[in-house]
């Protein structure tokens, strides 16, 4: 499975992930609000911990790598840069 992460063209969303299987688009997921800040913006470890704690109680399936919750958790609230987070996300879920 291949994923391309880019700016969202949807109002109120920050990014979108487009998933491909054998060069065929299979799913697009828009994620992250375009307002407010995330860990890649502020790099505040306490806010990151609070986000993870708050969202882990929402029964989000962070193992579903195509879900908006998982994308937000592992792209926006993971590493200090977008590039590092995308690389880690792809490695974690064995994506190209």
PDB file of N, CA and C in Angstrom:
ATOM      1  N   UNK A   1       0.856  -1.175   0.000  1.00  0.00           N
ATOM      2  CA  UNK A   1       0.000   0.000   0.000  1.00  0.00           C
ATOM      3  C   UNK A   1       0.900   1.236   0.000  1.00  0.00           C
ATOM      4  N   UNK A   2       0.520   2.190  -0.791  1.00  0.00           N
ATOM      5  CA  UNK A   2       1.250   3.452  -0.884  1.00  0.00           C
ATOM      6  C   UNK A   2       0.338   4.566  -0.376  1.00  0.00           C
ATOM      7  N   UNK A   3       0.940   5.576   0.268  1.00  0.00           N
ATOM      8  CA  UNK A   3       0.177   6.724   0.740  1.00  0.00           C
ATOM      9  C   UNK A   3       0.910   8.006   0.354  1.00  0.00           C
ATOM     10  N   UNK A   4       0.123   8.985  -0.054  1.00  0.00           N
ATOM     11  CA  UNK A   4       0.638  10.324  -0.331  1.00  0.00           C
ATOM     12  C   UNK A   4      -0.099  11.273   0.606  1.00  0.00           C
ATOM     13  N   UNK A   5       0.663  12.054   1.365  1.00  0.00           N
ATOM     14  CA  UNK A   5       0.080  13.005   2.303  1.00  0.00           C
ATOM     15  C   UNK A   5       0.368  14.401   1.788  1.00  0.00           C
ATOM     16  N   UNK A   6      -0.722  15.181   1.652  1.00  0.00           N
ATOM     17  CA  UNK A   6      -0.599  16.525   1.093  1.00  0.00           C
ATOM     18  C   UNK A   6      -1.642  17.440   1.719  1.00  0.00           C
ATOM     19  N   UNK A   7      -1.542  18.723   1.432  1.00  0.00           N
ATOM     20  CA  UNK A   7      -2.521  19.694   1.916  1.00  0.00           C
ATOM     21  C   UNK A   7      -3.909  19.294   1.442  1.00  0.00           C
ATOM     22  N   UNK A   8      -4.880  19.463   2.326  1.00  0.00           N
ATOM     23  CA  UNK A   8      -6.258  19.133   1.985  1.00  0.00           C
ATOM     24  C   UNK A   8      -6.893  20.245   1.158  1.00  0.00           C
ATOM     25  N   UNK A   9      -7.768  19.843   0.268  1.00  0.00           N
ATOM     26  CA  UNK A   9      -8.553  20.814  -0.499  1.00  0.00           C
ATOM     27  C   UNK A   9      -9.954  20.956   0.095  1.00  0.00           C
ATOM     28  N   UNK A  10     -10.175  20.308   1.232  1.00  0.00           N
ATOM     29  CA  UNK A  10     -11.467  20.366   1.915  1.00  0.00           C
ATOM     30  C   UNK A  10     -11.441  21.490   2.947  1.00  0.00           C
ATOM     31  N   UNK A  11     -12.499  22.280   2.943  1.00  0.00           N
ATOM     32  CA  UNK A  11     -12.609  23.374   3.902  1.00  0.00           C
ATOM     33  C   UNK A  11     -12.564  22.809   5.313  1.00  0.00           C
ATOM     34  N   UNK A  12     -11.803  23.414   6.157  1.00  0.00           N
ATOM     35  CA  UNK A  12     -11.635  23.124   7.576  1.00  0.00           C
ATOM     36  C   UNK A  12     -10.690  21.960   7.880  1.00  0.00           C
ATOM     37  N   UNK A  13     -10.106  21.337   6.869  1.00  0.00           N
ATOM     38  CA  UNK A  13      -9.152  20.254   7.112  1.00  0.00           C
ATOM     39  C   UNK A  13      -7.753  20.677   6.691  1.00  0.00           C
ATOM     40  N   UNK A  14      -6.758  20.167   7.396  1.00  0.00           N
ATOM     41  CA  UNK A  14      -5.374  20.565   7.172  1.00  0.00           C
ATOM     42  C   UNK A  14      -4.681  19.720   6.096  1.00  0.00           C
ATOM     43  N   UNK A  15      -4.809  18.410   6.203  1.00  0.00           N
ATOM     44  CA  UNK A  15      -4.126  17.494   5.280  1.00  0.00           C
ATOM     45  C   UNK A  15      -5.071  16.421   4.780  1.00  0.00           C
ATOM     46  N   UNK A  16      -4.615  15.724   3.758  1.00  0.00           N
ATOM     47  CA  UNK A  16      -5.325  14.536   3.302  1.00  0.00           C
ATOM     48  C   UNK A  16      -4.294  13.462   2.995  1.00  0.00           C
ATOM     49  N   UNK A  17      -4.718  12.230   3.183  1.00  0.00           N
ATOM     50  CA  UNK A  17      -3.894  11.069   2.857  1.00  0.00           C
ATOM     51  C   UNK A  17      -4.617  10.313   1.758  1.00  0.00           C
ATOM     52  N   UNK A  18      -3.913  10.070   0.667  1.00  0.00           N
ATOM     53  CA  UNK A  18      -4.478   9.326  -0.455  1.00  0.00           C
ATOM     54  C   UNK A  18      -3.765   7.983  -0.499  1.00  0.00           C
ATOM     55  N   UNK A  19      -4.548   6.908  -0.384  1.00  0.00           N
ATOM     56  CA  UNK A  19      -4.017   5.555  -0.336  1.00  0.00           C
ATOM     57  C   UNK A  19      -4.184   4.866  -1.682  1.00  0.00           C
ATOM     58  N   UNK A  20      -3.139   4.183  -2.114  1.00  0.00           N
ATOM     59  CA  UNK A  20      -3.122   3.480  -3.392  1.00  0.00           C
ATOM     60  C   UNK A  20      -2.735   2.023  -3.171  1.00  0.00           C
ATOM     61  N   UNK A  21      -3.360   1.146  -3.932  1.00  0.00           N
ATOM     62  CA  UNK A  21      -2.982  -0.257  -3.959  1.00  0.00           C
ATOM     63  C   UNK A  21      -2.741  -0.615  -5.424  1.00  0.00           C
ATOM     64  N   UNK A  22      -1.513  -0.996  -5.739  1.00  0.00           N
ATOM     65  CA  UNK A  22      -1.135  -1.294  -7.133  1.00  0.00           C
ATOM     66  C   UNK A  22      -1.504  -0.142  -8.060  1.00  0.00           C
ATOM     67  N   UNK A  23      -1.155   1.070  -7.669  1.00  0.00           N
ATOM     68  CA  UNK A  23      -1.371   2.295  -8.454  1.00  0.00           C
ATOM     69  C   UNK A  23      -2.836   2.696  -8.582  1.00  0.00           C
ATOM     70  N   UNK A  24      -3.744   1.988  -7.932  1.00  0.00           N
ATOM     71  CA  UNK A  24      -5.167   2.335  -7.970  1.00  0.00           C
ATOM     72  C   UNK A  24      -5.550   3.006  -6.658  1.00  0.00           C
ATOM     73  N   UNK A  25      -6.153   4.201  -6.758  1.00  0.00           N
ATOM     74  CA  UNK A  25      -6.573   4.917  -5.556  1.00  0.00           C
ATOM     75  C   UNK A  25      -7.693   4.140  -4.877  1.00  0.00           C
ATOM     76  N   UNK A  26      -7.517   3.872  -3.587  1.00  0.00           N
ATOM     77  CA  UNK A  26      -8.522   3.102  -2.864  1.00  0.00           C
ATOM     78  C   UNK A  26      -9.240   3.913  -1.785  1.00  0.00           C
ATOM     79  N   UNK A  27      -8.599   4.957  -1.284  1.00  0.00           N
ATOM     80  CA  UNK A  27      -9.242   5.749  -0.237  1.00  0.00           C
ATOM     81  C   UNK A  27      -8.537   7.087  -0.076  1.00  0.00           C
ATOM     82  N   UNK A  28      -9.331   8.106   0.276  1.00  0.00           N
ATOM     83  CA  UNK A  28      -8.793   9.411   0.645  1.00  0.00           C
ATOM     84  C   UNK A  28      -9.362   9.769   2.011  1.00  0.00           C
ATOM     85  N   UNK A  29      -8.487  10.170   2.924  1.00  0.00           N
ATOM     86  CA  UNK A  29      -8.904  10.567   4.262  1.00  0.00           C
ATOM     87  C   UNK A  29      -8.383  11.968   4.551  1.00  0.00           C
ATOM     88  N   UNK A  30      -9.301  12.879   4.857  1.00  0.00           N
ATOM     89  CA  UNK A  30      -8.934  14.235   5.253  1.00  0.00           C
ATOM     90  C   UNK A  30      -8.830  14.245   6.773  1.00  0.00           C
ATOM     91  N   UNK A  31      -7.823  14.946   7.300  1.00  0.00           N
ATOM     92  CA  UNK A  31      -7.630  14.926   8.746  1.00  0.00           C
ATOM     93  C   UNK A  31      -7.005  16.218   9.239  1.00  0.00           C
ATOM     94  N   UNK A  32      -7.194  16.460  10.536  1.00  0.00           N
ATOM     95  CA  UNK A  32      -6.624  17.640  11.183  1.00  0.00           C
ATOM     96  C   UNK A  32      -7.406  18.897  10.868  1.00  0.00           C
ATOM     97  N   UNK A  33      -7.824  19.601  11.896  1.00  0.00           N
ATOM     98  CA  UNK A  33      -8.495  20.880  11.680  1.00  0.00           C
ATOM     99  C   UNK A  33      -7.504  21.913  11.162  1.00  0.00           C
ATOM    100  N   UNK A  34      -7.966  22.801  10.305  1.00  0.00           N
ATOM    101  CA  UNK A  34      -7.072  23.823   9.765  1.00  0.00           C
ATOM    102  C   UNK A  34      -6.880  24.995  10.729  1.00  0.00           C
ATOM    103  N   UNK A  35      -7.593  24.976  11.849  1.00  0.00           N
ATOM    104  CA  UNK A  35      -7.395  26.001  12.884  1.00  0.00           C
ATOM    105  C   UNK A  35      -6.731  25.334  14.091  1.00  0.00           C
ATOM    106  N   UNK A  36      -6.163  26.120  14.938  1.00  0.00           N
ATOM    107  CA  UNK A  36      -5.490  25.571  16.105  1.00  0.00           C
ATOM    108  C   UNK A  36      -4.096  25.083  15.760  1.00  0.00           C
ATOM    109  N   UNK A  37      -3.448  24.504  16.742  1.00  0.00           N
ATOM    110  CA  UNK A  37      -2.087  24.039  16.523  1.00  0.00           C
ATOM    111  C   UNK A  37      -1.954  22.588  16.975  1.00  0.00           C
ATOM    112  N   UNK A  38      -0.935  21.939  16.455  1.00  0.00           N
ATOM    113  CA  UNK A  38      -0.653  20.547  16.789  1.00  0.00           C
ATOM    114  C   UNK A  38       0.800  20.449  17.249  1.00  0.00           C
ATOM    115  N   UNK A  39       1.234  19.258  17.574  1.00  0.00           N
ATOM    116  CA  UNK A  39       2.593  19.071  18.058  1.00  0.00           C
ATOM    117  C   UNK A  39       3.627  19.505  17.024  1.00  0.00           C
ATOM    118  N   UNK A  40       3.356  19.311  15.739  1.00  0.00           N
ATOM    119  CA  UNK A  40       4.327  19.746  14.726  1.00  0.00           C
ATOM    120  C   UNK A  40       4.435  21.267  14.665  1.00  0.00           C
ATOM    121  N   UNK A  41       3.446  21.959  15.237  1.00  0.00           N
ATOM    122  CA  UNK A  41       3.489  23.424  15.283  1.00  0.00           C
ATOM    123  C   UNK A  41       4.170  23.926  16.560  1.00  0.00           C
ATOM    124  N   UNK A  42       3.699  23.458  17.727  1.00  0.00           N
ATOM    125  CA  UNK A  42       4.172  24.023  18.990  1.00  0.00           C
ATOM    126  C   UNK A  42       5.254  23.194  19.690  1.00  0.00           C
ATOM    127  N   UNK A  43       5.371  21.917  19.374  1.00  0.00           N
ATOM    128  CA  UNK A  43       6.400  21.031  19.945  1.00  0.00           C
ATOM    129  C   UNK A  43       6.364  20.979  21.471  1.00  0.00           C
ATOM    130  N   UNK A  44       5.180  21.142  22.039  1.00  0.00           N
ATOM    131  CA  UNK A  44       4.989  21.136  23.486  1.00  0.00           C
ATOM    132  C   UNK A  44       4.637  19.714  23.938  1.00  0.00           C
ATOM    133  N   UNK A  45       5.572  19.067  24.639  1.00  0.00           N
ATOM    134  CA  UNK A  45       5.395  17.672  25.071  1.00  0.00           C
ATOM    135  C   UNK A  45       4.191  17.501  26.003  1.00  0.00           C
ATOM    136  N   UNK A  46       3.922  18.491  26.845  1.00  0.00           N
ATOM    137  CA  UNK A  46       2.781  18.382  27.759  1.00  0.00           C
ATOM    138  C   UNK A  46       1.461  18.397  26.992  1.00  0.00           C
ATOM    139  N   UNK A  47       1.359  19.255  25.984  1.00  0.00           N
ATOM    140  CA  UNK A  47       0.149  19.285  25.163  1.00  0.00           C
ATOM    141  C   UNK A  47       0.005  17.997  24.366  1.00  0.00           C
ATOM    142  N   UNK A  48       1.121  17.447  23.916  1.00  0.00           N
ATOM    143  CA  UNK A  48       1.093  16.172  23.186  1.00  0.00           C
ATOM    144  C   UNK A  48       0.553  15.059  24.086  1.00  0.00           C
ATOM    145  N   UNK A  49       1.067  14.982  25.302  1.00  0.00           N
ATOM    146  CA  UNK A  49       0.597  13.966  26.250  1.00  0.00           C
ATOM    147  C   UNK A  49      -0.886  14.132  26.544  1.00  0.00           C
ATOM    148  N   UNK A  50      -1.327  15.369  26.692  1.00  0.00           N
ATOM    149  CA  UNK A  50      -2.740  15.645  26.964  1.00  0.00           C
ATOM    150  C   UNK A  50      -3.609  15.227  25.778  1.00  0.00           C
ATOM    151  N   UNK A  51      -3.153  15.518  24.560  1.00  0.00           N
ATOM    152  CA  UNK A  51      -3.890  15.118  23.354  1.00  0.00           C
ATOM    153  C   UNK A  51      -4.039  13.596  23.302  1.00  0.00           C
ATOM    154  N   UNK A  52      -2.930  12.896  23.516  1.00  0.00           N
ATOM    155  CA  UNK A  52      -2.950  11.428  23.452  1.00  0.00           C
ATOM    156  C   UNK A  52      -3.875  10.861  24.522  1.00  0.00           C
ATOM    157  N   UNK A  53      -3.789  11.366  25.732  1.00  0.00           N
ATOM    158  CA  UNK A  53      -4.653  10.896  26.816  1.00  0.00           C
ATOM    159  C   UNK A  53      -6.129  11.170  26.502  1.00  0.00           C
ATOM    160  N   UNK A  54      -6.411  12.364  26.027  1.00  0.00           N
ATOM    161  CA  UNK A  54      -7.792  12.757  25.725  1.00  0.00           C
ATOM    162  C   UNK A  54      -8.381  11.899  24.611  1.00  0.00           C
ATOM    163  N   UNK A  55      -7.612  11.666  23.569  1.00  0.00           N
ATOM    164  CA  UNK A  55      -8.132  10.931  22.424  1.00  0.00           C
ATOM    165  C   UNK A  55      -8.090   9.421  22.605  1.00  0.00           C
ATOM    166  N   UNK A  56      -7.277   8.934  23.502  1.00  0.00           N
ATOM    167  CA  UNK A  56      -7.267   7.485  23.743  1.00  0.00           C
ATOM    168  C   UNK A  56      -8.550   7.055  24.447  1.00  0.00           C
ATOM    169  N   UNK A  57      -9.197   7.970  25.122  1.00  0.00           N
ATOM    170  CA  UNK A  57     -10.465   7.676  25.803  1.00  0.00           C
ATOM    171  C   UNK A  57     -11.654   7.687  24.847  1.00  0.00           C
ATOM    172  N   UNK A  58     -11.456   8.191  23.640  1.00  0.00           N
ATOM    173  CA  UNK A  58     -12.547   8.271  22.657  1.00  0.00           C
ATOM    174  C   UNK A  58     -12.724   6.982  21.876  1.00  0.00           C
ATOM    175  N   UNK A  59     -12.016   5.928  22.284  1.00  0.00           N
ATOM    176  CA  UNK A  59     -12.066   4.644  21.586  1.00  0.00           C
ATOM    177  C   UNK A  59     -11.689   4.766  20.115  1.00  0.00           C
ATOM    178  N   UNK A  60     -10.728   5.621  19.820  1.00  0.00           N
ATOM    179  CA  UNK A  60     -10.242   5.751  18.450  1.00  0.00           C
ATOM    180  C   UNK A  60      -9.400   4.536  18.088  1.00  0.00           C
ATOM    181  N   UNK A  61      -9.532   4.073  16.863  1.00  0.00           N
ATOM    182  CA  UNK A  61      -8.756   2.924  16.411  1.00  0.00           C
ATOM    183  C   UNK A  61      -7.485   3.431  15.749  1.00  0.00           C
ATOM    184  N   UNK A  62      -6.446   3.589  16.554  1.00  0.00           N
ATOM    185  CA  UNK A  62      -5.178   4.079  16.038  1.00  0.00           C
ATOM    186  C   UNK A  62      -4.442   3.021  15.233  1.00  0.00           C
ATOM    187  N   UNK A  63      -4.951   1.803  15.220  1.00  0.00           N
ATOM    188  CA  UNK A  63      -4.352   0.739  14.404  1.00  0.00           C
ATOM    189  C   UNK A  63      -4.855   0.761  12.974  1.00  0.00           C
ATOM    190  N   UNK A  64      -5.965   1.451  12.729  1.00  0.00           N
ATOM    191  CA  UNK A  64      -6.479   1.608  11.367  1.00  0.00           C
ATOM    192  C   UNK A  64      -5.748   2.792  10.742  1.00  0.00           C
ATOM    193  N   UNK A  65      -4.690   2.494  10.002  1.00  0.00           N
ATOM    194  CA  UNK A  65      -3.826   3.553   9.469  1.00  0.00           C
ATOM    195  C   UNK A  65      -4.523   4.468   8.472  1.00  0.00           C
ATOM    196  N   UNK A  66      -5.721   4.108   8.008  1.00  0.00           N
ATOM    197  CA  UNK A  66      -6.451   4.966   7.072  1.00  0.00           C
ATOM    198  C   UNK A  66      -7.437   5.895   7.775  1.00  0.00           C
ATOM    199  N   UNK A  67      -7.600   5.752   9.078  1.00  0.00           N
ATOM    200  CA  UNK A  67      -8.580   6.576   9.796  1.00  0.00           C
ATOM    201  C   UNK A  67      -8.021   7.967  10.080  1.00  0.00           C
ATOM    202  N   UNK A  68      -8.919   8.933  10.173  1.00  0.00           N
ATOM    203  CA  UNK A  68      -8.521  10.305  10.479  1.00  0.00           C
ATOM    204  C   UNK A  68      -7.880  10.382  11.862  1.00  0.00           C
ATOM    205  N   UNK A  69      -8.381   9.599  12.805  1.00  0.00           N
ATOM    206  CA  UNK A  69      -7.809   9.590  14.150  1.00  0.00           C
ATOM    207  C   UNK A  69      -6.377   9.100  14.168  1.00  0.00           C
ATOM    208  N   UNK A  70      -6.125   8.016  13.455  1.00  0.00           N
ATOM    209  CA  UNK A  70      -4.770   7.470  13.380  1.00  0.00           C
ATOM    210  C   UNK A  70      -3.831   8.432  12.656  1.00  0.00           C
ATOM    211  N   UNK A  71      -4.288   9.007  11.579  1.00  0.00           N
ATOM    212  CA  UNK A  71      -3.464   9.969  10.835  1.00  0.00           C
ATOM    213  C   UNK A  71      -3.132  11.188  11.696  1.00  0.00           C
ATOM    214  N   UNK A  72      -4.111  11.695  12.407  1.00  0.00           N
ATOM    215  CA  UNK A  72      -3.860  12.837  13.288  1.00  0.00           C
ATOM    216  C   UNK A  72      -2.867  12.468  14.377  1.00  0.00           C
ATOM    217  N   UNK A  73      -3.077  11.315  14.988  1.00  0.00           N
ATOM    218  CA  UNK A  73      -2.196  10.874  16.084  1.00  0.00           C
ATOM    219  C   UNK A  73      -0.758  10.715  15.612  1.00  0.00           C
ATOM    220  N   UNK A  74      -0.561  10.031  14.483  1.00  0.00           N
ATOM    221  CA  UNK A  74       0.794   9.686  14.071  1.00  0.00           C
ATOM    222  C   UNK A  74       1.441  10.681  13.102  1.00  0.00           C
ATOM    223  N   UNK A  75       0.674  11.600  12.552  1.00  0.00           N
ATOM    224  CA  UNK A  75       1.258  12.629  11.680  1.00  0.00           C
ATOM    225  C   UNK A  75       1.359  13.971  12.421  1.00  0.00           C
ATOM    226  N   UNK A  76       0.266  14.397  13.033  1.00  0.00           N
ATOM    227  CA  UNK A  76       0.232  15.727  13.643  1.00  0.00           C
ATOM    228  C   UNK A  76       0.705  15.757  15.096  1.00  0.00           C
ATOM    229  N   UNK A  77       0.632  14.624  15.776  1.00  0.00           N
ATOM    230  CA  UNK A  77       0.956  14.586  17.206  1.00  0.00           C
ATOM    231  C   UNK A  77       2.026  13.541  17.514  1.00  0.00           C
ATOM    232  N   UNK A  78       3.024  13.387  16.673  1.00  0.00           N
ATOM    233  CA  UNK A  78       4.029  12.353  16.854  1.00  0.00           C
ATOM    234  C   UNK A  78       5.430  12.944  16.991  1.00  0.00           C
ATOM    235  N   UNK A  79       6.017  13.325  15.901  1.00  0.00           N
ATOM    236  CA  UNK A  79       7.378  13.875  15.884  1.00  0.00           C
ATOM    237  C   UNK A  79       7.309  15.397  15.790  1.00  0.00           C
ATOM    238  N   UNK A  80       8.459  16.049  15.901  1.00  0.00           N
ATOM    239  CA  UNK A  80       8.476  17.516  15.910  1.00  0.00           C
ATOM    240  C   UNK A  80       8.340  18.137  14.530  1.00  0.00           C
ATOM    241  N   UNK A  81       8.546  17.362  13.473  1.00  0.00           N
ATOM    242  CA  UNK A  81       8.362  17.907  12.120  1.00  0.00           C
ATOM    243  C   UNK A  81       7.417  17.011  11.328  1.00  0.00           C
ATOM    244  N   UNK A  82       6.782  17.604  10.346  1.00  0.00           N
ATOM    245  CA  UNK A  82       5.884  16.852   9.476  1.00  0.00           C
ATOM    246  C   UNK A  82       6.642  15.742   8.754  1.00  0.00           C
ATOM    247  N   UNK A  83       7.810  16.061   8.253  1.00  0.00           N
ATOM    248  CA  UNK A  83       8.617  15.089   7.513  1.00  0.00           C
ATOM    249  C   UNK A  83       8.960  13.878   8.379  1.00  0.00           C
ATOM    250  N   UNK A  84       9.407  14.130   9.608  1.00  0.00           N
ATOM    251  CA  UNK A  84       9.745  13.033  10.526  1.00  0.00           C
ATOM    252  C   UNK A  84       8.506  12.193  10.859  1.00  0.00           C
ATOM    253  N   UNK A  85       7.392  12.856  11.081  1.00  0.00           N
ATOM    254  CA  UNK A  85       6.163  12.142  11.424  1.00  0.00           C
ATOM    255  C   UNK A  85       5.686  11.262  10.279  1.00  0.00           C
ATOM    256  N   UNK A  86       5.736  11.780   9.066  1.00  0.00           N
ATOM    257  CA  UNK A  86       5.314  10.986   7.904  1.00  0.00           C
ATOM    258  C   UNK A  86       6.207   9.761   7.748  1.00  0.00           C
ATOM    259  N   UNK A  87       7.500   9.957   7.889  1.00  0.00           N
ATOM    260  CA  UNK A  87       8.443   8.836   7.772  1.00  0.00           C
ATOM    261  C   UNK A  87       8.152   7.779   8.836  1.00  0.00           C
ATOM    262  N   UNK A  88       7.949   8.209  10.076  1.00  0.00           N
ATOM    263  CA  UNK A  88       7.665   7.281  11.168  1.00  0.00           C
ATOM    264  C   UNK A  88       6.330   6.561  10.948  1.00  0.00           C
ATOM    265  N   UNK A  89       5.314   7.290  10.497  1.00  0.00           N
ATOM    266  CA  UNK A  89       3.993   6.717  10.199  1.00  0.00           C
ATOM    267  C   UNK A  89       4.110   5.626   9.126  1.00  0.00           C
ATOM    268  N   UNK A  90       4.827   5.921   8.060  1.00  0.00           N
ATOM    269  CA  UNK A  90       4.998   4.942   6.984  1.00  0.00           C
ATOM    270  C   UNK A  90       5.749   3.707   7.475  1.00  0.00           C
ATOM    271  N   UNK A  91       6.773   3.917   8.281  1.00  0.00           N
ATOM    272  CA  UNK A  91       7.527   2.779   8.841  1.00  0.00           C
ATOM    273  C   UNK A  91       6.644   1.954   9.782  1.00  0.00           C
ATOM    274  N   UNK A  92       5.892   2.620  10.635  1.00  0.00           N
ATOM    275  CA  UNK A  92       5.042   1.937  11.617  1.00  0.00           C
ATOM    276  C   UNK A  92       4.037   1.023  10.938  1.00  0.00           C
ATOM    277  N   UNK A  93       3.449   1.489   9.833  1.00  0.00           N
ATOM    278  CA  UNK A  93       2.401   0.720   9.167  1.00  0.00           C
ATOM    279  C   UNK A  93       2.868   0.040   7.875  1.00  0.00           C
ATOM    280  N   UNK A  94       4.180   0.049   7.658  1.00  0.00           N
ATOM    281  CA  UNK A  94       4.772  -0.627   6.492  1.00  0.00           C
ATOM    282  C   UNK A  94       4.150  -0.135   5.176  1.00  0.00           C
ATOM    283  N   UNK A  95       4.153   1.187   5.003  1.00  0.00           N
ATOM    284  CA  UNK A  95       3.599   1.822   3.803  1.00  0.00           C
ATOM    285  C   UNK A  95       4.721   2.417   2.969  1.00  0.00           C
ATOM    286  N   UNK A  96       4.477   2.536   1.683  1.00  0.00           N
ATOM    287  CA  UNK A  96       5.431   3.202   0.775  1.00  0.00           C
ATOM    288  C   UNK A  96       5.137   4.680   0.737  1.00  0.00           C
TER     289      UNK A  96
END
